[in-house]
C-alpha atoms as a PDB file:
ATOM      1  CA  MET A   1      11.520   9.334  -5.358  1.00  0.00           C
ATOM      2  CA  LEU A   2       9.095   7.063  -3.488  1.00  0.00           C
ATOM      3  CA  ASN A   3       8.961   9.485  -0.566  1.00  0.00           C
ATOM      4  CA  ARG A   4       8.165  12.366  -2.902  1.00  0.00           C
ATOM      5  CA  MET A   5       5.407  10.387  -4.572  1.00  0.00           C
ATOM      6  CA  ASN A   6       3.999   9.335  -1.190  1.00  0.00           C
ATOM      7  CA  ASP A   7       3.981  12.949  -0.028  1.00  0.00           C
ATOM      8  CA  SER A   8       2.150  13.972  -3.178  1.00  0.00           C
ATOM      9  CA  VAL A   9      -0.472  11.247  -2.775  1.00  0.00           C
ATOM     10  CA  GLU A  10      -0.931  11.889   0.957  1.00  0.00           C
ATOM     11  CA  THR A  11      -1.896  15.512   0.314  1.00  0.00           C
ATOM     12  CA  GLN A  12      -4.728  14.351  -1.940  1.00  0.00           C
ATOM     13  CA  LEU A  13      -6.249  11.728   0.380  1.00  0.00           C
ATOM     14  CA  ARG A  14      -8.856  12.411   3.038  1.00  0.00           C
ATOM     15  CA  ASP A  15      -8.159  11.491   6.648  1.00  0.00           C
ATOM     16  CA  ASN A  16     -10.897   8.849   6.584  1.00  0.00           C
ATOM     17  CA  GLN A  17      -9.121   6.913   3.823  1.00  0.00           C
ATOM     18  CA  THR A  18      -7.070   4.497   5.869  1.00  0.00           C
ATOM     19  CA  GLY A  19      -6.259   1.442   3.774  1.00  0.00           C
ATOM     20  CA  PHE A  20      -2.548   0.760   3.291  1.00  0.00           C
ATOM     21  CA  ARG A  21      -1.451   4.111   4.702  1.00  0.00           C
ATOM     22  CA  LYS A  22       1.264   4.775   7.237  1.00  0.00           C
ATOM     23  CA  ASP A  23      -0.102   5.690  10.683  1.00  0.00           C
ATOM     24  CA  HIS A  24      -3.695   4.933   9.625  1.00  0.00           C
ATOM     25  CA  SER A  25      -5.062   1.798  11.225  1.00  0.00           C
ATOM     26  CA  TRP A  26      -8.036  -0.143   9.884  1.00  0.00           C
ATOM     27  CA  THR A  27      -8.893  -1.042  13.495  1.00  0.00           C
ATOM     28  CA  ASN A  28      -9.859   2.593  14.105  1.00  0.00           C
ATOM     29  CA  ARG A  29     -12.409   2.295  11.311  1.00  0.00           C
ATOM     30  CA  ILE A  30     -13.881  -0.852  12.857  1.00  0.00           C
ATOM     31  CA  VAL A  31     -14.294   0.910  16.198  1.00  0.00           C
ATOM     32  CA  THR A  32     -15.950   3.863  14.465  1.00  0.00           C
ATOM     33  CA  LEU A  33     -18.310   1.550  12.591  1.00  0.00           C
ATOM     34  CA  ARG A  34     -19.215  -0.280  15.786  1.00  0.00           C
ATOM     35  CA  ILE A  35     -20.072   2.995  17.526  1.00  0.00           C
ATOM     36  CA  ILE A  36     -22.287   4.008  14.603  1.00  0.00           C
ATOM     37  CA  VAL A  37     -24.096   0.647  14.669  1.00  0.00           C
ATOM     38  CA  GLU A  38     -24.609   0.838  18.440  1.00  0.00           C
ATOM     39  CA  GLN A  39     -25.995   4.385  18.188  1.00  0.00           C
ATOM     40  CA  SER A  40     -28.324   3.330  15.405  1.00  0.00           C
ATOM     41  CA  ILE A  41     -29.681   0.525  17.585  1.00  0.00           C
ATOM     42  CA  GLU A  42     -29.976   2.826  20.599  1.00  0.00           C
ATOM     43  CA  TRP A  43     -31.842   5.465  18.586  1.00  0.00           C
ATOM     44  CA  ASN A  44     -33.929   2.829  16.810  1.00  0.00           C
ATOM     45  CA  SER A  45     -32.984   4.284  13.433  1.00  0.00           C
ATOM     46  CA  SER A  46     -32.302   2.616  10.116  1.00  0.00           C
ATOM     47  CA  LEU A  47     -28.703   2.119   9.092  1.00  0.00           C
ATOM     48  CA  TYR A  48     -27.440   1.057   5.696  1.00  0.00           C
ATOM     49  CA  ILE A  49     -23.867  -0.125   5.291  1.00  0.00           C
ATOM     50  CA  ASN A  50     -22.153  -0.895   2.022  1.00  0.00           C
ATOM     51  CA  PHE A  51     -18.812  -2.681   1.735  1.00  0.00           C
ATOM     52  CA  ILE A  52     -16.995  -2.612  -1.575  1.00  0.00           C
ATOM     53  CA  ASP A  53     -14.276  -5.083  -2.507  1.00  0.00           C
ATOM     54  CA  TYR A  54     -11.728  -3.325  -4.689  1.00  0.00           C
ATOM     55  CA  LYS A  55      -9.552  -6.414  -5.000  1.00  0.00           C
ATOM     56  CA  LYS A  56      -9.554  -6.317  -8.803  1.00  0.00           C
ATOM     57  CA  ALA A  57     -10.290  -2.637  -9.239  1.00  0.00           C
ATOM     58  CA  PHE A  58      -7.005  -1.947 -11.015  1.00  0.00           C
ATOM     59  CA  ASP A  59      -6.863  -4.988 -13.296  1.00  0.00           C
ATOM     60  CA  SER A  60      -8.032  -2.905 -16.231  1.00  0.00           C
ATOM     61  CA  VAL A  61      -5.518  -0.055 -15.927  1.00  0.00           C
ATOM     62  CA  ASP A  62      -4.123   1.030 -19.291  1.00  0.00           C
ATOM     63  CA  ARG A  63      -0.411   0.332 -18.808  1.00  0.00           C
ATOM     64  CA  ARG A  64       0.715   2.762 -21.527  1.00  0.00           C
ATOM     65  CA  THR A  65      -1.160   5.621 -19.900  1.00  0.00           C
ATOM     66  CA  LEU A  66       0.230   4.665 -16.498  1.00  0.00           C
ATOM     67  CA  ARG A  67       3.809   4.695 -17.845  1.00  0.00           C
ATOM     68  CA  LYS A  68       3.259   8.110 -19.440  1.00  0.00           C
ATOM     69  CA  LEU A  69       1.870   9.468 -16.193  1.00  0.00           C
ATOM     70  CA  LEU A  70       4.762   8.091 -14.152  1.00  0.00           C
ATOM     71  CA  ARG A  71       7.318   9.532 -16.602  1.00  0.00           C
ATOM     72  CA  HIS A  72       5.620  12.913 -16.308  1.00  0.00           C
ATOM     73  CA  MET A  73       5.618  12.709 -12.495  1.00  0.00           C
ATOM     74  CA  VAL A  74       9.300  11.774 -12.379  1.00  0.00           C
ATOM     75  CA  LYS A  75      10.215  14.701 -14.665  1.00  0.00           C
ATOM     76  CA  SER A  76       8.254  17.164 -12.534  1.00  0.00           C
ATOM     77  CA  ILE A  77       9.838  15.869  -9.308  1.00  0.00           C
ATOM     78  CA  THR A  78      13.450  16.015 -10.489  1.00  0.00           C
END
């Protein structure tokens, strides 16, 4: 069941979303960011970077709705 759910989620994610995904390393994103910063300096252009901490992003999830959704997903998979 987990594999089926993972497959379903993977099809909905963009390639640039790398956090906590198999075969997607966060180090690649750091290298990409470094290249962008270096090019910005070289071209003497402004660069704005925003980092968002989603540590508590899911603390307010409605558990009843989540259970209903999971039940629905399990029924559609089986």
